[in-house]
Amino acid sequence: MFFVMLALPALFGLTLVGEGIYQMAHYDRGWFNVGLGGVFLVVVAFGYFFLRGVV
């Protein structure tokens, strides 16, 4: 059940990264979405390790 709590935020972060890559492929500004998605994924990973007691 613990992994299910992290699945939705991780998918949201991956969606932001994917949308940014799509925008960059069409010569739009997508760096913000890629950066925001990356930060979001790092926060999710940190939360996972924090709740598991590793950090």
C-alpha atoms as a PDB file:
ATOM      1  CA  MET A   1       0.000   0.000   0.000  1.00  0.00           C
ATOM      2  CA  PHE A   2       2.928   2.307   0.657  1.00  0.00           C
ATOM      3  CA  PHE A   3       3.991   2.189  -2.995  1.00  0.00           C
ATOM      4  CA  VAL A   4       0.478   3.152  -4.118  1.00  0.00           C
ATOM      5  CA  MET A   5       0.778   6.436  -2.171  1.00  0.00           C
ATOM      6  CA  LEU A   6       3.854   7.339  -4.206  1.00  0.00           C
ATOM      7  CA  ALA A   7       2.588   6.150  -7.594  1.00  0.00           C
ATOM      8  CA  LEU A   8       0.258   9.083  -8.265  1.00  0.00           C
ATOM      9  CA  PRO A   9       2.771  11.834  -7.374  1.00  0.00           C
ATOM     10  CA  ALA A  10       5.450  10.057  -9.413  1.00  0.00           C
ATOM     11  CA  LEU A  11       3.120   9.857 -12.412  1.00  0.00           C
ATOM     12  CA  PHE A  12       2.361  13.563 -12.032  1.00  0.00           C
ATOM     13  CA  GLY A  13       6.080  14.369 -12.074  1.00  0.00           C
ATOM     14  CA  LEU A  14       6.641  12.164 -15.110  1.00  0.00           C
ATOM     15  CA  THR A  15       3.727  13.896 -16.855  1.00  0.00           C
ATOM     16  CA  LEU A  16       5.363  17.282 -16.274  1.00  0.00           C
ATOM     17  CA  VAL A  17       8.671  16.005 -17.654  1.00  0.00           C
ATOM     18  CA  GLY A  18       6.953  14.429 -20.660  1.00  0.00           C
ATOM     19  CA  GLU A  19       4.974  17.575 -21.409  1.00  0.00           C
ATOM     20  CA  GLY A  20       8.152  19.649 -21.245  1.00  0.00           C
ATOM     21  CA  ILE A  21       9.949  17.311 -23.639  1.00  0.00           C
ATOM     22  CA  TYR A  22       6.964  17.473 -25.992  1.00  0.00           C
ATOM     23  CA  GLN A  23       7.031  21.286 -25.893  1.00  0.00           C
ATOM     24  CA  MET A  24      10.773  21.363 -26.545  1.00  0.00           C
ATOM     25  CA  ALA A  25      10.305  19.029 -29.511  1.00  0.00           C
ATOM     26  CA  HIS A  26       7.923  21.597 -30.990  1.00  0.00           C
ATOM     27  CA  TYR A  27      10.343  24.478 -30.318  1.00  0.00           C
ATOM     28  CA  ASP A  28       8.373  25.862 -27.386  1.00  0.00           C
ATOM     29  CA  ARG A  29       9.711  26.676 -23.939  1.00  0.00           C
ATOM     30  CA  GLY A  30       9.506  23.408 -22.060  1.00  0.00           C
ATOM     31  CA  TRP A  31      12.481  23.723 -19.739  1.00  0.00           C
ATOM     32  CA  PHE A  32      10.271  24.982 -16.919  1.00  0.00           C
ATOM     33  CA  ASN A  33       8.072  21.880 -17.031  1.00  0.00           C
ATOM     34  CA  VAL A  34      11.069  19.560 -17.217  1.00  0.00           C
ATOM     35  CA  GLY A  35      12.713  21.301 -14.270  1.00  0.00           C
ATOM     36  CA  LEU A  36       9.539  21.383 -12.214  1.00  0.00           C
ATOM     37  CA  GLY A  37       8.845  17.715 -12.947  1.00  0.00           C
ATOM     38  CA  GLY A  38      12.406  16.792 -12.012  1.00  0.00           C
ATOM     39  CA  VAL A  39      12.161  18.676  -8.727  1.00  0.00           C
ATOM     40  CA  PHE A  40       8.826  17.032  -8.028  1.00  0.00           C
ATOM     41  CA  LEU A  41      10.297  13.567  -8.645  1.00  0.00           C
ATOM     42  CA  VAL A  42      13.233  14.336  -6.348  1.00  0.00           C
ATOM     43  CA  VAL A  43      10.807  15.416  -3.612  1.00  0.00           C
ATOM     44  CA  VAL A  44       8.796  12.201  -4.065  1.00  0.00           C
ATOM     45  CA  ALA A  45      11.978  10.104  -3.875  1.00  0.00           C
ATOM     46  CA  PHE A  46      13.121  11.996  -0.765  1.00  0.00           C
ATOM     47  CA  GLY A  47       9.700  11.475   0.821  1.00  0.00           C
ATOM     48  CA  TYR A  48       9.896   7.770   0.096  1.00  0.00           C
ATOM     49  CA  PHE A  49      13.298   7.395   1.705  1.00  0.00           C
ATOM     50  CA  PHE A  50      12.314   9.668   4.595  1.00  0.00           C
ATOM     51  CA  LEU A  51       9.186   7.654   5.381  1.00  0.00           C
ATOM     52  CA  ARG A  52      11.079   4.371   5.084  1.00  0.00           C
ATOM     53  CA  GLY A  53      13.558   5.602   7.684  1.00  0.00           C
ATOM     54  CA  VAL A  54      16.628   5.580   5.434  1.00  0.00           C
ATOM     55  CA  VAL A  55      17.265   9.322   5.708  1.00  0.00           C
END
